[in-house]
C-alpha cells in the first residue's frame, strides 16, 4: 500500500513538472537568433574583447610571467572575435 501511495505521489510530481514545462513561453528559433544578434549589437561597445580594456590592470588576460600566456590570450581573443563576426554575418 505504501508503495502505491509513493508511486502516486511520484506521478503527481511528474504531472506538475510537465504542466510547468508546458506553460513556458516558446518562441521560434529565427526570432531567438534575431534577439541574440540585437543583444550583441547593443552591447558591442561594452565588450572588452572588441574595444579593449581601460587599463592593463583590468585585463584578466594580461601577461603574468610568461609570454606563452600572452600569446594564448591573444589567440583566444582573435578566435572569439572571428566567431562573433561569423555569427553576425551568417544571421544578417
PDB file of N, CA and C in Angstrom:
ATOM      1  N   UNK A   1       0.816  -1.197   0.000  1.00  0.00           N
ATOM      2  CA  UNK A   1       0.000   0.000   0.000  1.00  0.00           C
ATOM      3  C   UNK A   1       0.861   1.262   0.000  1.00  0.00           C
ATOM      4  N   UNK A   2       1.925   1.247   0.840  1.00  0.00           N
ATOM      5  CA  UNK A   2       2.837   2.399   0.887  1.00  0.00           C
ATOM      6  C   UNK A   2       3.493   2.623  -0.473  1.00  0.00           C
ATOM      7  N   UNK A   3       3.803   1.538  -1.143  1.00  0.00           N
ATOM      8  CA  UNK A   3       4.438   1.640  -2.455  1.00  0.00           C
ATOM      9  C   UNK A   3       3.487   2.276  -3.463  1.00  0.00           C
ATOM     10  N   UNK A   4       2.215   1.957  -3.338  1.00  0.00           N
ATOM     11  CA  UNK A   4       1.209   2.515  -4.230  1.00  0.00           C
ATOM     12  C   UNK A   4       1.052   4.021  -4.007  1.00  0.00           C
ATOM     13  N   UNK A   5       1.066   4.426  -2.748  1.00  0.00           N
ATOM     14  CA  UNK A   5       0.950   5.848  -2.405  1.00  0.00           C
ATOM     15  C   UNK A   5       2.186   6.602  -2.884  1.00  0.00           C
ATOM     16  N   UNK A   6       3.351   5.999  -2.675  1.00  0.00           N
ATOM     17  CA  UNK A   6       4.597   6.611  -3.124  1.00  0.00           C
ATOM     18  C   UNK A   6       4.612   6.779  -4.640  1.00  0.00           C
ATOM     19  N   UNK A   7       4.159   5.762  -5.341  1.00  0.00           N
ATOM     20  CA  UNK A   7       4.090   5.808  -6.803  1.00  0.00           C
ATOM     21  C   UNK A   7       3.124   6.892  -7.261  1.00  0.00           C
ATOM     22  N   UNK A   8       1.998   7.020  -6.581  1.00  0.00           N
ATOM     23  CA  UNK A   8       1.010   8.044  -6.905  1.00  0.00           C
ATOM     24  C   UNK A   8       1.587   9.446  -6.683  1.00  0.00           C
ATOM     25  N   UNK A   9       2.302   9.638  -5.585  1.00  0.00           N
ATOM     26  CA  UNK A   9       2.936  10.933  -5.316  1.00  0.00           C
ATOM     27  C   UNK A   9       3.973  11.267  -6.388  1.00  0.00           C
ATOM     28  N   UNK A  10       4.731  10.260  -6.780  1.00  0.00           N
ATOM     29  CA  UNK A  10       5.745  10.469  -7.821  1.00  0.00           C
ATOM     30  C   UNK A  10       5.076  10.855  -9.145  1.00  0.00           C
ATOM     31  N   UNK A  11       3.983  10.202  -9.475  1.00  0.00           N
ATOM     32  CA  UNK A  11       3.265  10.514 -10.707  1.00  0.00           C
ATOM     33  C   UNK A  11       2.685  11.929 -10.660  1.00  0.00           C
ATOM     34  N   UNK A  12       2.221  12.358  -9.500  1.00  0.00           N
ATOM     35  CA  UNK A  12       1.705  13.725  -9.358  1.00  0.00           C
ATOM     36  C   UNK A  12       2.818  14.751  -9.538  1.00  0.00           C
ATOM     37  N   UNK A  13       3.988  14.469  -8.984  1.00  0.00           N
ATOM     38  CA  UNK A  13       5.123  15.380  -9.149  1.00  0.00           C
ATOM     39  C   UNK A  13       5.515  15.486 -10.619  1.00  0.00           C
ATOM     40  N   UNK A  14       5.540  14.370 -11.308  1.00  0.00           N
ATOM     41  CA  UNK A  14       5.872  14.370 -12.732  1.00  0.00           C
ATOM     42  C   UNK A  14       4.840  15.170 -13.513  1.00  0.00           C
ATOM     43  N   UNK A  15       3.557  14.962 -13.193  1.00  0.00           N
ATOM     44  CA  UNK A  15       2.485  15.688 -13.876  1.00  0.00           C
ATOM     45  C   UNK A  15       2.613  17.191 -13.653  1.00  0.00           C
ATOM     46  N   UNK A  16       2.905  17.594 -12.422  1.00  0.00           N
ATOM     47  CA  UNK A  16       3.075  19.022 -12.116  1.00  0.00           C
ATOM     48  C   UNK A  16       4.271  19.602 -12.879  1.00  0.00           C
ATOM     49  N   UNK A  17       5.353  18.846 -12.948  1.00  0.00           N
ATOM     50  CA  UNK A  17       6.524  19.317 -13.681  1.00  0.00           C
ATOM     51  C   UNK A  17       6.193  19.471 -15.170  1.00  0.00           C
ATOM     52  N   UNK A  18       5.485  18.530 -15.733  1.00  0.00           N
ATOM     53  CA  UNK A  18       5.095  18.615 -17.143  1.00  0.00           C
ATOM     54  C   UNK A  18       4.176  19.808 -17.393  1.00  0.00           C
ATOM     55  N   UNK A  19       3.294  20.098 -16.449  1.00  0.00           N
ATOM     56  CA  UNK A  19       2.421  21.274 -16.588  1.00  0.00           C
ATOM     57  C   UNK A  19       3.233  22.572 -16.568  1.00  0.00           C
ATOM     58  N   UNK A  20       4.231  22.637 -15.660  1.00  0.00           N
ATOM     59  CA  UNK A  20       5.094  23.827 -15.618  1.00  0.00           C
ATOM     60  C   UNK A  20       5.856  23.983 -16.927  1.00  0.00           C
ATOM     61  N   UNK A  21       6.385  22.894 -17.453  1.00  0.00           N
ATOM     62  CA  UNK A  21       7.135  22.955 -18.710  1.00  0.00           C
ATOM     63  C   UNK A  21       6.232  23.331 -19.884  1.00  0.00           C
ATOM     64  N   UNK A  22       5.003  22.849 -19.877  1.00  0.00           N
ATOM     65  CA  UNK A  22       4.067  23.182 -20.956  1.00  0.00           C
ATOM     66  C   UNK A  22       3.669  24.650 -20.923  1.00  0.00           C
ATOM     67  N   UNK A  23       3.734  25.269 -19.749  1.00  0.00           N
ATOM     68  CA  UNK A  23       3.332  26.670 -19.607  1.00  0.00           C
ATOM     69  C   UNK A  23       4.449  27.650 -20.002  1.00  0.00           C
ATOM     70  N   UNK A  24       5.644  27.144 -20.237  1.00  0.00           N
ATOM     71  CA  UNK A  24       6.764  28.022 -20.603  1.00  0.00           C
ATOM     72  C   UNK A  24       6.505  28.635 -21.974  1.00  0.00           C
ATOM     73  N   UNK A  25       6.711  29.966 -22.053  1.00  0.00           N
ATOM     74  CA  UNK A  25       6.523  30.671 -23.319  1.00  0.00           C
ATOM     75  C   UNK A  25       7.618  30.245 -24.293  1.00  0.00           C
ATOM     76  N   UNK A  26       7.235  29.917 -25.488  1.00  0.00           N
ATOM     77  CA  UNK A  26       8.188  29.482 -26.511  1.00  0.00           C
ATOM     78  C   UNK A  26       8.164  30.462 -27.674  1.00  0.00           C
ATOM     79  N   UNK A  27       9.332  30.618 -28.313  1.00  0.00           N
ATOM     80  CA  UNK A  27       9.422  31.487 -29.481  1.00  0.00           C
ATOM     81  C   UNK A  27      10.146  30.726 -30.589  1.00  0.00           C
ATOM     82  N   UNK A  28       9.931  31.116 -31.837  1.00  0.00           N
ATOM     83  CA  UNK A  28      10.621  30.450 -32.942  1.00  0.00           C
ATOM     84  C   UNK A  28      12.137  30.700 -32.863  1.00  0.00           C
ATOM     85  N   UNK A  29      12.908  29.753 -33.362  1.00  0.00           N
ATOM     86  CA  UNK A  29      14.367  29.862 -33.355  1.00  0.00           C
ATOM     87  C   UNK A  29      14.811  31.111 -34.101  1.00  0.00           C
ATOM     88  N   UNK A  30      14.155  31.424 -35.223  1.00  0.00           N
ATOM     89  CA  UNK A  30      14.544  32.604 -36.002  1.00  0.00           C
ATOM     90  C   UNK A  30      14.408  33.880 -35.173  1.00  0.00           C
ATOM     91  N   UNK A  31      13.379  33.956 -34.355  1.00  0.00           N
ATOM     92  CA  UNK A  31      13.204  35.132 -33.500  1.00  0.00           C
ATOM     93  C   UNK A  31      14.265  35.150 -32.402  1.00  0.00           C
ATOM     94  N   UNK A  32      14.578  33.993 -31.837  1.00  0.00           N
ATOM     95  CA  UNK A  32      15.606  33.914 -30.800  1.00  0.00           C
ATOM     96  C   UNK A  32      16.955  34.366 -31.349  1.00  0.00           C
ATOM     97  N   UNK A  33      17.267  33.970 -32.579  1.00  0.00           N
ATOM     98  CA  UNK A  33      18.528  34.372 -33.212  1.00  0.00           C
ATOM     99  C   UNK A  33      18.559  35.877 -33.412  1.00  0.00           C
ATOM    100  N   UNK A  34      17.458  36.441 -33.880  1.00  0.00           N
ATOM    101  CA  UNK A  34      17.392  37.890 -34.074  1.00  0.00           C
ATOM    102  C   UNK A  34      17.572  38.622 -32.736  1.00  0.00           C
ATOM    103  N   UNK A  35      16.997  38.085 -31.668  1.00  0.00           N
ATOM    104  CA  UNK A  35      17.156  38.685 -30.346  1.00  0.00           C
ATOM    105  C   UNK A  35      18.614  38.631 -29.889  1.00  0.00           C
ATOM    106  N   UNK A  36      19.288  37.526 -30.171  1.00  0.00           N
ATOM    107  CA  UNK A  36      20.702  37.390 -29.804  1.00  0.00           C
ATOM    108  C   UNK A  36      21.546  38.393 -30.572  1.00  0.00           C
ATOM    109  N   UNK A  37      21.294  38.522 -31.863  1.00  0.00           N
ATOM    110  CA  UNK A  37      22.051  39.480 -32.688  1.00  0.00           C
ATOM    111  C   UNK A  37      21.823  40.899 -32.174  1.00  0.00           C
ATOM    112  N   UNK A  38      20.576  41.226 -31.867  1.00  0.00           N
ATOM    113  CA  UNK A  38      20.253  42.559 -31.338  1.00  0.00           C
ATOM    114  C   UNK A  38      20.996  42.799 -30.023  1.00  0.00           C
ATOM    115  N   UNK A  39      21.003  41.798 -29.156  1.00  0.00           N
ATOM    116  CA  UNK A  39      21.688  41.903 -27.865  1.00  0.00           C
ATOM    117  C   UNK A  39      23.183  42.150 -28.075  1.00  0.00           C
ATOM    118  N   UNK A  40      23.801  41.413 -28.994  1.00  0.00           N
ATOM    119  CA  UNK A  40      25.236  41.571 -29.273  1.00  0.00           C
ATOM    120  C   UNK A  40      25.524  42.970 -29.790  1.00  0.00           C
ATOM    121  N   UNK A  41      24.730  43.427 -30.732  1.00  0.00           N
ATOM    122  CA  UNK A  41      24.963  44.752 -31.321  1.00  0.00           C
ATOM    123  C   UNK A  41      24.773  45.875 -30.307  1.00  0.00           C
ATOM    124  N   UNK A  42      23.790  45.751 -29.430  1.00  0.00           N
ATOM    125  CA  UNK A  42      23.538  46.784 -28.422  1.00  0.00           C
ATOM    126  C   UNK A  42      24.671  46.885 -27.411  1.00  0.00           C
ATOM    127  N   UNK A  43      25.360  45.787 -27.162  1.00  0.00           N
ATOM    128  CA  UNK A  43      26.398  45.766 -26.134  1.00  0.00           C
ATOM    129  C   UNK A  43      27.807  45.659 -26.705  1.00  0.00           C
ATOM    130  N   UNK A  44      27.930  45.848 -27.999  1.00  0.00           N
ATOM    131  CA  UNK A  44      29.218  45.681 -28.669  1.00  0.00           C
ATOM    132  C   UNK A  44      30.290  46.620 -28.108  1.00  0.00           C
ATOM    133  N   UNK A  45      29.923  47.849 -27.799  1.00  0.00           N
ATOM    134  CA  UNK A  45      30.910  48.821 -27.306  1.00  0.00           C
ATOM    135  C   UNK A  45      31.309  48.557 -25.856  1.00  0.00           C
ATOM    136  N   UNK A  46      30.559  47.721 -25.158  1.00  0.00           N
ATOM    137  CA  UNK A  46      30.900  47.352 -23.786  1.00  0.00           C
ATOM    138  C   UNK A  46      31.748  46.088 -23.740  1.00  0.00           C
ATOM    139  N   UNK A  47      31.921  45.439 -24.870  1.00  0.00           N
ATOM    140  CA  UNK A  47      32.632  44.172 -24.949  1.00  0.00           C
ATOM    141  C   UNK A  47      34.136  44.408 -24.934  1.00  0.00           C
ATOM    142  N   UNK A  48      34.775  44.034 -23.852  1.00  0.00           N
ATOM    143  CA  UNK A  48      36.217  44.268 -23.705  1.00  0.00           C
ATOM    144  C   UNK A  48      37.029  43.530 -24.763  1.00  0.00           C
ATOM    145  N   UNK A  49      36.523  42.422 -25.248  1.00  0.00           N
ATOM    146  CA  UNK A  49      37.249  41.696 -26.287  1.00  0.00           C
ATOM    147  C   UNK A  49      37.196  42.434 -27.621  1.00  0.00           C
ATOM    148  N   UNK A  50      36.227  43.331 -27.779  1.00  0.00           N
ATOM    149  CA  UNK A  50      36.111  44.093 -29.023  1.00  0.00           C
ATOM    150  C   UNK A  50      36.817  45.445 -28.940  1.00  0.00           C
ATOM    151  N   UNK A  51      36.662  46.150 -27.824  1.00  0.00           N
ATOM    152  CA  UNK A  51      37.195  47.508 -27.716  1.00  0.00           C
ATOM    153  C   UNK A  51      38.441  47.596 -26.848  1.00  0.00           C
ATOM    154  N   UNK A  52      38.806  46.522 -26.211  1.00  0.00           N
ATOM    155  CA  UNK A  52      39.994  46.537 -25.359  1.00  0.00           C
ATOM    156  C   UNK A  52      39.637  46.866 -23.923  1.00  0.00           C
ATOM    157  N   UNK A  53      40.650  46.884 -23.093  1.00  0.00           N
ATOM    158  CA  UNK A  53      40.462  47.140 -21.668  1.00  0.00           C
ATOM    159  C   UNK A  53      40.886  48.560 -21.335  1.00  0.00           C
ATOM    160  N   UNK A  54      40.268  49.124 -20.308  1.00  0.00           N
ATOM    161  CA  UNK A  54      40.575  50.506 -19.917  1.00  0.00           C
ATOM    162  C   UNK A  54      42.003  50.629 -19.390  1.00  0.00           C
ATOM    163  N   UNK A  55      42.495  49.594 -18.767  1.00  0.00           N
ATOM    164  CA  UNK A  55      43.878  49.595 -18.284  1.00  0.00           C
ATOM    165  C   UNK A  55      44.403  48.165 -18.321  1.00  0.00           C
ATOM    166  N   UNK A  56      45.693  48.039 -18.246  1.00  0.00           N
ATOM    167  CA  UNK A  56      46.311  46.704 -18.252  1.00  0.00           C
ATOM    168  C   UNK A  56      45.910  45.934 -17.003  1.00  0.00           C
ATOM    169  N   UNK A  57      45.664  46.648 -15.906  1.00  0.00           N
ATOM    170  CA  UNK A  57      45.272  46.003 -14.656  1.00  0.00           C
ATOM    171  C   UNK A  57      43.881  45.358 -14.767  1.00  0.00           C
ATOM    172  N   UNK A  58      43.008  45.945 -15.564  1.00  0.00           N
ATOM    173  CA  UNK A  58      41.647  45.433 -15.733  1.00  0.00           C
ATOM    174  C   UNK A  58      41.600  44.234 -16.667  1.00  0.00           C
ATOM    175  N   UNK A  59      42.683  43.963 -17.349  1.00  0.00           N
ATOM    176  CA  UNK A  59      42.744  42.889 -18.336  1.00  0.00           C
ATOM    177  C   UNK A  59      43.064  41.557 -17.658  1.00  0.00           C
ATOM    178  N   UNK A  60      42.102  40.635 -17.574  1.00  0.00           N
ATOM    179  CA  UNK A  60      42.382  39.335 -16.944  1.00  0.00           C
ATOM    180  C   UNK A  60      43.299  38.464 -17.805  1.00  0.00           C
ATOM    181  N   UNK A  61      43.505  38.838 -19.070  1.00  0.00           N
ATOM    182  CA  UNK A  61      44.354  38.070 -19.965  1.00  0.00           C
ATOM    183  C   UNK A  61      45.774  38.626 -20.044  1.00  0.00           C
ATOM    184  N   UNK A  62      46.070  39.612 -19.218  1.00  0.00           N
ATOM    185  CA  UNK A  62      47.390  40.253 -19.296  1.00  0.00           C
ATOM    186  C   UNK A  62      48.490  39.236 -19.014  1.00  0.00           C
ATOM    187  N   UNK A  63      49.654  39.560 -19.496  1.00  0.00           N
ATOM    188  CA  UNK A  63      50.809  38.689 -19.327  1.00  0.00           C
ATOM    189  C   UNK A  63      51.160  38.615 -17.847  1.00  0.00           C
ATOM    190  N   UNK A  64      51.280  37.419 -17.363  1.00  0.00           N
ATOM    191  CA  UNK A  64      51.657  37.219 -15.964  1.00  0.00           C
ATOM    192  C   UNK A  64      53.184  37.196 -15.886  1.00  0.00           C
ATOM    193  N   UNK A  65      53.749  36.044 -16.132  1.00  0.00           N
ATOM    194  CA  UNK A  65      55.200  35.910 -16.108  1.00  0.00           C
ATOM    195  C   UNK A  65      55.716  35.216 -17.350  1.00  0.00           C
ATOM    196  N   UNK A  66      54.819  34.898 -18.225  1.00  0.00           N
ATOM    197  CA  UNK A  66      55.231  34.114 -19.371  1.00  0.00           C
ATOM    198  C   UNK A  66      54.659  34.707 -20.646  1.00  0.00           C
ATOM    199  N   UNK A  67      55.464  34.741 -21.674  1.00  0.00           N
ATOM    200  CA  UNK A  67      54.963  35.238 -22.955  1.00  0.00           C
ATOM    201  C   UNK A  67      53.987  34.249 -23.571  1.00  0.00           C
ATOM    202  N   UNK A  68      54.042  32.991 -23.140  1.00  0.00           N
ATOM    203  CA  UNK A  68      53.117  31.976 -23.630  1.00  0.00           C
ATOM    204  C   UNK A  68      51.687  32.344 -23.251  1.00  0.00           C
ATOM    205  N   UNK A  69      51.483  32.825 -22.031  1.00  0.00           N
ATOM    206  CA  UNK A  69      50.142  33.222 -21.583  1.00  0.00           C
ATOM    207  C   UNK A  69      49.599  34.348 -22.454  1.00  0.00           C
ATOM    208  N   UNK A  70      50.457  35.307 -22.777  1.00  0.00           N
ATOM    209  CA  UNK A  70      50.043  36.426 -23.608  1.00  0.00           C
ATOM    210  C   UNK A  70      49.660  35.945 -25.005  1.00  0.00           C
ATOM    211  N   UNK A  71      50.462  35.073 -25.559  1.00  0.00           N
ATOM    212  CA  UNK A  71      50.189  34.533 -26.899  1.00  0.00           C
ATOM    213  C   UNK A  71      48.880  33.756 -26.900  1.00  0.00           C
ATOM    214  N   UNK A  72      48.681  32.927 -25.898  1.00  0.00           N
ATOM    215  CA  UNK A  72      47.461  32.140 -25.791  1.00  0.00           C
ATOM    216  C   UNK A  72      46.239  33.048 -25.648  1.00  0.00           C
ATOM    217  N   UNK A  73      46.345  34.080 -24.830  1.00  0.00           N
ATOM    218  CA  UNK A  73      45.247  35.027 -24.647  1.00  0.00           C
ATOM    219  C   UNK A  73      44.924  35.749 -25.939  1.00  0.00           C
ATOM    220  N   UNK A  74      45.959  36.180 -26.651  1.00  0.00           N
ATOM    221  CA  UNK A  74      45.769  36.876 -27.916  1.00  0.00           C
ATOM    222  C   UNK A  74      45.051  35.981 -28.921  1.00  0.00           C
ATOM    223  N   UNK A  75      45.462  34.718 -29.000  1.00  0.00           N
ATOM    224  CA  UNK A  75      44.815  33.768 -29.915  1.00  0.00           C
ATOM    225  C   UNK A  75      43.346  33.568 -29.539  1.00  0.00           C
ATOM    226  N   UNK A  76      43.062  33.512 -28.254  1.00  0.00           N
ATOM    227  CA  UNK A  76      41.682  33.353 -27.793  1.00  0.00           C
ATOM    228  C   UNK A  76      40.837  34.554 -28.195  1.00  0.00           C
ATOM    229  N   UNK A  77      41.363  35.747 -28.017  1.00  0.00           N
ATOM    230  CA  UNK A  77      40.643  36.967 -28.381  1.00  0.00           C
ATOM    231  C   UNK A  77      40.364  36.981 -29.878  1.00  0.00           C
ATOM    232  N   UNK A  78      41.347  36.634 -30.673  1.00  0.00           N
ATOM    233  CA  UNK A  78      41.160  36.609 -32.130  1.00  0.00           C
ATOM    234  C   UNK A  78      40.090  35.593 -32.510  1.00  0.00           C
ATOM    235  N   UNK A  79      40.138  34.410 -31.930  1.00  0.00           N
ATOM    236  CA  UNK A  79      39.173  33.358 -32.250  1.00  0.00           C
ATOM    237  C   UNK A  79      37.757  33.790 -31.865  1.00  0.00           C
ATOM    238  N   UNK A  80      37.594  34.353 -30.673  1.00  0.00           N
ATOM    239  CA  UNK A  80      36.267  34.790 -30.232  1.00  0.00           C
ATOM    240  C   UNK A  80      35.730  35.911 -31.115  1.00  0.00           C
ATOM    241  N   UNK A  81      36.599  36.812 -31.530  1.00  0.00           N
ATOM    242  CA  UNK A  81      36.184  37.899 -32.410  1.00  0.00           C
ATOM    243  C   UNK A  81      35.718  37.352 -33.753  1.00  0.00           C
ATOM    244  N   UNK A  82      36.459  36.395 -34.284  1.00  0.00           N
ATOM    245  CA  UNK A  82      36.064  35.787 -35.563  1.00  0.00           C
ATOM    246  C   UNK A  82      34.720  35.081 -35.458  1.00  0.00           C
ATOM    247  N   UNK A  83      34.534  34.350 -34.381  1.00  0.00           N
ATOM    248  CA  UNK A  83      33.266  33.639 -34.183  1.00  0.00           C
ATOM    249  C   UNK A  83      32.118  34.637 -34.101  1.00  0.00           C
ATOM    250  N   UNK A  84      32.324  35.722 -33.376  1.00  0.00           N
ATOM    251  CA  UNK A  84      31.274  36.729 -33.218  1.00  0.00           C
ATOM    252  C   UNK A  84      30.893  37.326 -34.577  1.00  0.00           C
ATOM    253  N   UNK A  85      31.895  37.686 -35.373  1.00  0.00           N
ATOM    254  CA  UNK A  85      31.601  38.275 -36.675  1.00  0.00           C
ATOM    255  C   UNK A  85      31.004  37.254 -37.643  1.00  0.00           C
ATOM    256  N   UNK A  86      31.413  35.997 -37.551  1.00  0.00           N
ATOM    257  CA  UNK A  86      30.812  34.963 -38.394  1.00  0.00           C
ATOM    258  C   UNK A  86      29.335  34.802 -38.053  1.00  0.00           C
ATOM    259  N   UNK A  87      29.014  34.823 -36.768  1.00  0.00           N
ATOM    260  CA  UNK A  87      27.612  34.725 -36.360  1.00  0.00           C
ATOM    261  C   UNK A  87      26.814  35.914 -36.877  1.00  0.00           C
ATOM    262  N   UNK A  88      27.388  37.100 -36.746  1.00  0.00           N
ATOM    263  CA  UNK A  88      26.679  38.291 -37.209  1.00  0.00           C
ATOM    264  C   UNK A  88      26.465  38.256 -38.701  1.00  0.00           C
ATOM    265  N   UNK A  89      27.470  37.828 -39.466  1.00  0.00           N
ATOM    266  CA  UNK A  89      27.330  37.758 -40.922  1.00  0.00           C
ATOM    267  C   UNK A  89      26.353  36.666 -41.325  1.00  0.00           C
ATOM    268  N   UNK A  90      26.386  35.548 -40.653  1.00  0.00           N
ATOM    269  CA  UNK A  90      25.534  34.415 -41.002  1.00  0.00           C
ATOM    270  C   UNK A  90      24.056  34.728 -40.803  1.00  0.00           C
ATOM    271  N   UNK A  91      23.753  35.444 -39.725  1.00  0.00           N
ATOM    272  CA  UNK A  91      22.352  35.699 -39.407  1.00  0.00           C
ATOM    273  C   UNK A  91      21.886  37.075 -39.840  1.00  0.00           C
ATOM    274  N   UNK A  92      22.698  37.799 -40.559  1.00  0.00           N
ATOM    275  CA  UNK A  92      22.308  39.118 -41.044  1.00  0.00           C
ATOM    276  C   UNK A  92      21.421  39.055 -42.248  1.00  0.00           C
TER     277      UNK A  92
END
